[in-house]
Amino acid sequence: MTINRGKVRWQCRRSLLELDLVLARFLEQEFDCLNDGQLADFEDLLRCDDYDLWAFINGSKPCEVTRWKKIIARLSQC
């Protein structure tokens, strides 16, 4: 199954300003480098609630999903 990159980009529009800023930088710097598996993991991660996603990125809440941890680490660098 091919993931629609445009749809994933659209899902990066969030209601938290801090999250929007991080995701915008990620889209600019890292998004085009994601392989299909990483893109699928990123798309799954984006299904999280904004506050949970922000907590994963800023480190205030540990992520229990192992396959998301590499993407979260990349997001944390943005």
PDB file of N, CA and C in Angstrom:
ATOM      1  N   MET A   1       0.835  -1.183   0.000  1.00  0.00           N
ATOM      2  CA  MET A   1       0.000   0.000   0.000  1.00  0.00           C
ATOM      3  C   MET A   1       0.882   1.249   0.000  1.00  0.00           C
ATOM      4  N   THR A   2       0.589   2.170  -0.876  1.00  0.00           N
ATOM      5  CA  THR A   2       1.336   3.414  -0.971  1.00  0.00           C
ATOM      6  C   THR A   2       0.653   4.477  -0.122  1.00  0.00           C
ATOM      7  N   ILE A   3       1.457   5.169   0.654  1.00  0.00           N
ATOM      8  CA  ILE A   3       0.930   6.228   1.525  1.00  0.00           C
ATOM      9  C   ILE A   3       0.989   7.548   0.776  1.00  0.00           C
ATOM     10  N   ASN A   4      -0.078   8.287   0.842  1.00  0.00           N
ATOM     11  CA  ASN A   4      -0.168   9.581   0.186  1.00  0.00           C
ATOM     12  C   ASN A   4       0.588  10.619   1.026  1.00  0.00           C
ATOM     13  N   ARG A   5       1.736  11.063   0.529  1.00  0.00           N
ATOM     14  CA  ARG A   5       2.560  12.021   1.274  1.00  0.00           C
ATOM     15  C   ARG A   5       1.842  13.354   1.479  1.00  0.00           C
ATOM     16  N   GLY A   6       1.030  13.748   0.505  1.00  0.00           N
ATOM     17  CA  GLY A   6       0.275  14.994   0.648  1.00  0.00           C
ATOM     18  C   GLY A   6      -0.713  14.918   1.803  1.00  0.00           C
ATOM     19  N   LYS A   7      -1.355  13.771   1.951  1.00  0.00           N
ATOM     20  CA  LYS A   7      -2.302  13.577   3.048  1.00  0.00           C
ATOM     21  C   LYS A   7      -1.577  13.638   4.396  1.00  0.00           C
ATOM     22  N   VAL A   8      -0.402  13.026   4.459  1.00  0.00           N
ATOM     23  CA  VAL A   8       0.365  13.044   5.707  1.00  0.00           C
ATOM     24  C   VAL A   8       0.805  14.473   6.028  1.00  0.00           C
ATOM     25  N   ARG A   9       1.226  15.213   5.009  1.00  0.00           N
ATOM     26  CA  ARG A   9       1.591  16.626   5.227  1.00  0.00           C
ATOM     27  C   ARG A   9       0.403  17.396   5.808  1.00  0.00           C
ATOM     28  N   TRP A  10      -0.780  17.160   5.264  1.00  0.00           N
ATOM     29  CA  TRP A  10      -1.980  17.844   5.749  1.00  0.00           C
ATOM     30  C   TRP A  10      -2.266  17.481   7.202  1.00  0.00           C
ATOM     31  N   GLN A  11      -2.022  16.229   7.586  1.00  0.00           N
ATOM     32  CA  GLN A  11      -2.262  15.780   8.961  1.00  0.00           C
ATOM     33  C   GLN A  11      -1.304  16.434   9.951  1.00  0.00           C
ATOM     34  N   CYS A  12      -0.249  17.046   9.455  1.00  0.00           N
ATOM     35  CA  CYS A  12       0.716  17.724  10.326  1.00  0.00           C
ATOM     36  C   CYS A  12       0.206  19.084  10.794  1.00  0.00           C
ATOM     37  N   ARG A  13      -0.884  19.545  10.250  1.00  0.00           N
ATOM     38  CA  ARG A  13      -1.487  20.804  10.711  1.00  0.00           C
ATOM     39  C   ARG A  13      -2.225  20.515  12.001  1.00  0.00           C
ATOM     40  N   ARG A  14      -1.764  21.109  13.093  1.00  0.00           N
ATOM     41  CA  ARG A  14      -2.306  20.801  14.413  1.00  0.00           C
ATOM     42  C   ARG A  14      -2.806  22.049  15.104  1.00  0.00           C
ATOM     43  N   SER A  15      -3.453  21.853  16.247  1.00  0.00           N
ATOM     44  CA  SER A  15      -4.024  22.987  16.972  1.00  0.00           C
ATOM     45  C   SER A  15      -3.057  23.605  17.975  1.00  0.00           C
ATOM     46  N   LEU A  16      -1.990  22.920  18.325  1.00  0.00           N
ATOM     47  CA  LEU A  16      -0.992  23.473  19.246  1.00  0.00           C
ATOM     48  C   LEU A  16       0.111  24.180  18.457  1.00  0.00           C
ATOM     49  N   LEU A  17       0.366  25.421  18.797  1.00  0.00           N
ATOM     50  CA  LEU A  17       1.387  26.187  18.087  1.00  0.00           C
ATOM     51  C   LEU A  17       2.747  25.507  18.165  1.00  0.00           C
ATOM     52  N   GLU A  18       3.128  25.040  19.344  1.00  0.00           N
ATOM     53  CA  GLU A  18       4.430  24.404  19.515  1.00  0.00           C
ATOM     54  C   GLU A  18       4.568  23.183  18.608  1.00  0.00           C
ATOM     55  N   LEU A  19       3.517  22.418  18.535  1.00  0.00           N
ATOM     56  CA  LEU A  19       3.508  21.225  17.697  1.00  0.00           C
ATOM     57  C   LEU A  19       3.554  21.599  16.226  1.00  0.00           C
ATOM     58  N   ASP A  20       2.799  22.614  15.842  1.00  0.00           N
ATOM     59  CA  ASP A  20       2.834  23.100  14.463  1.00  0.00           C
ATOM     60  C   ASP A  20       4.247  23.516  14.059  1.00  0.00           C
ATOM     61  N   LEU A  21       4.936  24.219  14.946  1.00  0.00           N
ATOM     62  CA  LEU A  21       6.283  24.682  14.630  1.00  0.00           C
ATOM     63  C   LEU A  21       7.251  23.523  14.434  1.00  0.00           C
ATOM     64  N   VAL A  22       7.199  22.545  15.328  1.00  0.00           N
ATOM     65  CA  VAL A  22       8.081  21.380  15.216  1.00  0.00           C
ATOM     66  C   VAL A  22       7.764  20.589  13.953  1.00  0.00           C
ATOM     67  N   LEU A  23       6.492  20.347  13.711  1.00  0.00           N
ATOM     68  CA  LEU A  23       6.115  19.568  12.534  1.00  0.00           C
ATOM     69  C   LEU A  23       6.453  20.301  11.239  1.00  0.00           C
ATOM     70  N   ALA A  24       6.329  21.614  11.215  1.00  0.00           N
ATOM     71  CA  ALA A  24       6.694  22.381  10.019  1.00  0.00           C
ATOM     72  C   ALA A  24       8.190  22.240   9.733  1.00  0.00           C
ATOM     73  N   ARG A  25       9.014  22.338  10.776  1.00  0.00           N
ATOM     74  CA  ARG A  25      10.467  22.150  10.585  1.00  0.00           C
ATOM     75  C   ARG A  25      10.784  20.722  10.141  1.00  0.00           C
ATOM     76  N   PHE A  26      10.084  19.748  10.725  1.00  0.00           N
ATOM     77  CA  PHE A  26      10.286  18.355  10.344  1.00  0.00           C
ATOM     78  C   PHE A  26       9.941  18.147   8.877  1.00  0.00           C
ATOM     79  N   LEU A  27       8.824  18.709   8.444  1.00  0.00           N
ATOM     80  CA  LEU A  27       8.427  18.576   7.044  1.00  0.00           C
ATOM     81  C   LEU A  27       9.482  19.177   6.126  1.00  0.00           C
ATOM     82  N   GLU A  28      10.023  20.294   6.529  1.00  0.00           N
ATOM     83  CA  GLU A  28      11.029  20.978   5.717  1.00  0.00           C
ATOM     84  C   GLU A  28      12.362  20.226   5.687  1.00  0.00           C
ATOM     85  N   GLN A  29      12.781  19.699   6.825  1.00  0.00           N
ATOM     86  CA  GLN A  29      14.119  19.123   6.951  1.00  0.00           C
ATOM     87  C   GLN A  29      14.187  17.611   6.745  1.00  0.00           C
ATOM     88  N   GLU A  30      13.179  16.879   7.170  1.00  0.00           N
ATOM     89  CA  GLU A  30      13.284  15.424   7.260  1.00  0.00           C
ATOM     90  C   GLU A  30      12.271  14.634   6.423  1.00  0.00           C
ATOM     91  N   PHE A  31      11.131  15.193   6.168  1.00  0.00           N
ATOM     92  CA  PHE A  31      10.005  14.446   5.615  1.00  0.00           C
ATOM     93  C   PHE A  31      10.340  13.732   4.310  1.00  0.00           C
ATOM     94  N   ASP A  32      10.990  14.414   3.400  1.00  0.00           N
ATOM     95  CA  ASP A  32      11.283  13.822   2.092  1.00  0.00           C
ATOM     96  C   ASP A  32      12.289  12.680   2.175  1.00  0.00           C
ATOM     97  N   CYS A  33      12.975  12.547   3.289  1.00  0.00           N
ATOM     98  CA  CYS A  33      13.965  11.479   3.479  1.00  0.00           C
ATOM     99  C   CYS A  33      13.357  10.214   4.072  1.00  0.00           C
ATOM    100  N   LEU A  34      12.103  10.257   4.494  1.00  0.00           N
ATOM    101  CA  LEU A  34      11.474   9.091   5.115  1.00  0.00           C
ATOM    102  C   LEU A  34      11.216   7.995   4.086  1.00  0.00           C
ATOM    103  N   ASN A  35      11.584   6.763   4.434  1.00  0.00           N
ATOM    104  CA  ASN A  35      11.242   5.641   3.560  1.00  0.00           C
ATOM    105  C   ASN A  35       9.793   5.235   3.853  1.00  0.00           C
ATOM    106  N   ASP A  36       9.294   4.247   3.133  1.00  0.00           N
ATOM    107  CA  ASP A  36       7.888   3.868   3.263  1.00  0.00           C
ATOM    108  C   ASP A  36       7.537   3.405   4.682  1.00  0.00           C
ATOM    109  N   GLY A  37       8.422   2.643   5.307  1.00  0.00           N
ATOM    110  CA  GLY A  37       8.172   2.173   6.671  1.00  0.00           C
ATOM    111  C   GLY A  37       8.144   3.314   7.666  1.00  0.00           C
ATOM    112  N   GLN A  38       9.091   4.224   7.539  1.00  0.00           N
ATOM    113  CA  GLN A  38       9.140   5.386   8.425  1.00  0.00           C
ATOM    114  C   GLN A  38       7.922   6.274   8.213  1.00  0.00           C
ATOM    115  N   LEU A  39       7.519   6.417   6.969  1.00  0.00           N
ATOM    116  CA  LEU A  39       6.344   7.225   6.654  1.00  0.00           C
ATOM    117  C   LEU A  39       5.087   6.609   7.282  1.00  0.00           C
ATOM    118  N   ALA A  40       4.973   5.288   7.219  1.00  0.00           N
ATOM    119  CA  ALA A  40       3.828   4.602   7.835  1.00  0.00           C
ATOM    120  C   ALA A  40       3.830   4.807   9.351  1.00  0.00           C
ATOM    121  N   ASP A  41       5.007   4.713   9.963  1.00  0.00           N
ATOM    122  CA  ASP A  41       5.103   4.949  11.411  1.00  0.00           C
ATOM    123  C   ASP A  41       4.734   6.387  11.757  1.00  0.00           C
ATOM    124  N   PHE A  42       5.200   7.331  10.949  1.00  0.00           N
ATOM    125  CA  PHE A  42       4.897   8.741  11.171  1.00  0.00           C
ATOM    126  C   PHE A  42       3.395   8.987  11.047  1.00  0.00           C
ATOM    127  N   GLU A  43       2.781   8.404  10.033  1.00  0.00           N
ATOM    128  CA  GLU A  43       1.341   8.567   9.843  1.00  0.00           C
ATOM    129  C   GLU A  43       0.579   8.007  11.050  1.00  0.00           C
ATOM    130  N   ASP A  44       1.000   6.852  11.551  1.00  0.00           N
ATOM    131  CA  ASP A  44       0.358   6.285  12.746  1.00  0.00           C
ATOM    132  C   ASP A  44       0.536   7.202  13.954  1.00  0.00           C
ATOM    133  N   LEU A  45       1.734   7.732  14.119  1.00  0.00           N
ATOM    134  CA  LEU A  45       2.023   8.631  15.236  1.00  0.00           C
ATOM    135  C   LEU A  45       1.132   9.865  15.195  1.00  0.00           C
ATOM    136  N   LEU A  46       0.853  10.355  14.008  1.00  0.00           N
ATOM    137  CA  LEU A  46       0.022  11.544  13.858  1.00  0.00           C
ATOM    138  C   LEU A  46      -1.432  11.319  14.265  1.00  0.00           C
ATOM    139  N   ARG A  47      -1.811  10.079  14.480  1.00  0.00           N
ATOM    140  CA  ARG A  47      -3.170   9.784  14.952  1.00  0.00           C
ATOM    141  C   ARG A  47      -3.321  10.059  16.448  1.00  0.00           C
ATOM    142  N   CYS A  48      -2.202  10.308  17.117  1.00  0.00           N
ATOM    143  CA  CYS A  48      -2.239  10.616  18.555  1.00  0.00           C
ATOM    144  C   CYS A  48      -2.879  11.976  18.792  1.00  0.00           C
ATOM    145  N   ASP A  49      -3.438  12.134  19.967  1.00  0.00           N
ATOM    146  CA  ASP A  49      -3.940  13.413  20.423  1.00  0.00           C
ATOM    147  C   ASP A  49      -2.786  14.419  20.442  1.00  0.00           C
ATOM    148  N   ASP A  50      -3.081  15.675  20.145  1.00  0.00           N
ATOM    149  CA  ASP A  50      -2.045  16.715  20.097  1.00  0.00           C
ATOM    150  C   ASP A  50      -1.231  16.794  21.387  1.00  0.00           C
ATOM    151  N   TYR A  51      -1.903  16.723  22.517  1.00  0.00           N
ATOM    152  CA  TYR A  51      -1.197  16.865  23.794  1.00  0.00           C
ATOM    153  C   TYR A  51      -0.288  15.669  24.070  1.00  0.00           C
ATOM    154  N   ASP A  52      -0.720  14.477  23.692  1.00  0.00           N
ATOM    155  CA  ASP A  52       0.137  13.304  23.838  1.00  0.00           C
ATOM    156  C   ASP A  52       1.331  13.390  22.888  1.00  0.00           C
ATOM    157  N   LEU A  53       1.065  13.760  21.660  1.00  0.00           N
ATOM    158  CA  LEU A  53       2.144  13.882  20.679  1.00  0.00           C
ATOM    159  C   LEU A  53       3.176  14.906  21.135  1.00  0.00           C
ATOM    160  N   TRP A  54       2.726  16.049  21.616  1.00  0.00           N
ATOM    161  CA  TRP A  54       3.648  17.074  22.102  1.00  0.00           C
ATOM    162  C   TRP A  54       4.439  16.558  23.309  1.00  0.00           C
ATOM    163  N   ALA A  55       3.785  15.823  24.187  1.00  0.00           N
ATOM    164  CA  ALA A  55       4.471  15.266  25.360  1.00  0.00           C
ATOM    165  C   ALA A  55       5.534  14.253  24.949  1.00  0.00           C
ATOM    166  N   PHE A  56       5.271  13.453  23.926  1.00  0.00           N
ATOM    167  CA  PHE A  56       6.281  12.516  23.425  1.00  0.00           C
ATOM    168  C   PHE A  56       7.491  13.286  22.889  1.00  0.00           C
ATOM    169  N   ILE A  57       7.220  14.334  22.125  1.00  0.00           N
ATOM    170  CA  ILE A  57       8.289  15.092  21.481  1.00  0.00           C
ATOM    171  C   ILE A  57       9.128  15.862  22.502  1.00  0.00           C
ATOM    172  N   ASN A  58       8.477  16.477  23.484  1.00  0.00           N
ATOM    173  CA  ASN A  58       9.243  17.275  24.450  1.00  0.00           C
ATOM    174  C   ASN A  58       9.788  16.436  25.605  1.00  0.00           C
ATOM    175  N   GLY A  59       9.471  15.136  25.609  1.00  0.00           N
ATOM    176  CA  GLY A  59      10.042  14.232  26.589  1.00  0.00           C
ATOM    177  C   GLY A  59       9.340  14.175  27.930  1.00  0.00           C
ATOM    178  N   SER A  60       8.196  14.842  28.049  1.00  0.00           N
ATOM    179  CA  SER A  60       7.492  14.832  29.333  1.00  0.00           C
ATOM    180  C   SER A  60       6.641  13.575  29.531  1.00  0.00           C
ATOM    181  N   LYS A  61       6.468  12.801  28.470  1.00  0.00           N
ATOM    182  CA  LYS A  61       5.720  11.545  28.557  1.00  0.00           C
ATOM    183  C   LYS A  61       6.459  10.508  27.708  1.00  0.00           C
ATOM    184  N   PRO A  62       6.768   9.360  28.292  1.00  0.00           N
ATOM    185  CA  PRO A  62       7.458   8.331  27.503  1.00  0.00           C
ATOM    186  C   PRO A  62       6.515   7.684  26.493  1.00  0.00           C
ATOM    187  N   CYS A  63       7.061   7.360  25.353  1.00  0.00           N
ATOM    188  CA  CYS A  63       6.293   6.677  24.317  1.00  0.00           C
ATOM    189  C   CYS A  63       6.442   5.172  24.523  1.00  0.00           C
ATOM    190  N   GLU A  64       5.345   4.475  24.552  1.00  0.00           N
ATOM    191  CA  GLU A  64       5.343   3.025  24.766  1.00  0.00           C
ATOM    192  C   GLU A  64       5.436   2.238  23.452  1.00  0.00           C
ATOM    193  N   VAL A  65       5.268   2.916  22.316  1.00  0.00           N
ATOM    194  CA  VAL A  65       5.275   2.241  21.015  1.00  0.00           C
ATOM    195  C   VAL A  65       6.693   2.300  20.450  1.00  0.00           C
ATOM    196  N   THR A  66       7.347   1.164  20.425  1.00  0.00           N
ATOM    197  CA  THR A  66       8.754   1.094  20.032  1.00  0.00           C
ATOM    198  C   THR A  66       8.998   1.645  18.632  1.00  0.00           C
ATOM    199  N   ARG A  67       8.128   1.332  17.692  1.00  0.00           N
ATOM    200  CA  ARG A  67       8.375   1.751  16.303  1.00  0.00           C
ATOM    201  C   ARG A  67       8.234   3.256  16.087  1.00  0.00           C
ATOM    202  N   TRP A  68       7.649   3.962  17.038  1.00  0.00           N
ATOM    203  CA  TRP A  68       7.532   5.419  16.935  1.00  0.00           C
ATOM    204  C   TRP A  68       8.742   6.144  17.495  1.00  0.00           C
ATOM    205  N   LYS A  69       9.546   5.478  18.276  1.00  0.00           N
ATOM    206  CA  LYS A  69      10.619   6.150  19.016  1.00  0.00           C
ATOM    207  C   LYS A  69      11.650   6.815  18.123  1.00  0.00           C
ATOM    208  N   LYS A  70      11.982   6.211  16.990  1.00  0.00           N
ATOM    209  CA  LYS A  70      12.966   6.835  16.088  1.00  0.00           C
ATOM    210  C   LYS A  70      12.403   8.103  15.452  1.00  0.00           C
ATOM    211  N   ILE A  71      11.143   8.068  15.078  1.00  0.00           N
ATOM    212  CA  ILE A  71      10.506   9.257  14.496  1.00  0.00           C
ATOM    213  C   ILE A  71      10.420  10.359  15.554  1.00  0.00           C
ATOM    214  N   ILE A  72      10.056   9.985  16.773  1.00  0.00           N
ATOM    215  CA  ILE A  72       9.969  10.969  17.862  1.00  0.00           C
ATOM    216  C   ILE A  72      11.350  11.592  18.123  1.00  0.00           C
ATOM    217  N   ALA A  73      12.385  10.789  18.080  1.00  0.00           N
ATOM    218  CA  ALA A  73      13.743  11.318  18.261  1.00  0.00           C
ATOM    219  C   ALA A  73      14.078  12.319  17.159  1.00  0.00           C
ATOM    220  N   ARG A  74      13.693  12.031  15.937  1.00  0.00           N
ATOM    221  CA  ARG A  74      13.935  12.962  14.833  1.00  0.00           C
ATOM    222  C   ARG A  74      13.116  14.242  15.009  1.00  0.00           C
ATOM    223  N   LEU A  75      11.875  14.097  15.454  1.00  0.00           N
ATOM    224  CA  LEU A  75      11.035  15.271  15.698  1.00  0.00           C
ATOM    225  C   LEU A  75      11.617  16.131  16.817  1.00  0.00           C
ATOM    226  N   SER A  76      12.167  15.495  17.818  1.00  0.00           N
ATOM    227  CA  SER A  76      12.735  16.223  18.959  1.00  0.00           C
ATOM    228  C   SER A  76      13.937  17.068  18.555  1.00  0.00           C
ATOM    229  N   GLN A  77      14.584  16.715  17.470  1.00  0.00           N
ATOM    230  CA  GLN A  77      15.742  17.460  16.993  1.00  0.00           C
ATOM    231  C   GLN A  77      15.345  18.696  16.184  1.00  0.00           C
ATOM    232  N   CYS A  78      14.080  18.784  15.798  1.00  0.00           N
ATOM    233  CA  CYS A  78      13.626  19.895  14.941  1.00  0.00           C
ATOM    234  C   CYS A  78      13.218  21.104  15.757  1.00  0.00           C
TER     235      CYS A  78
END
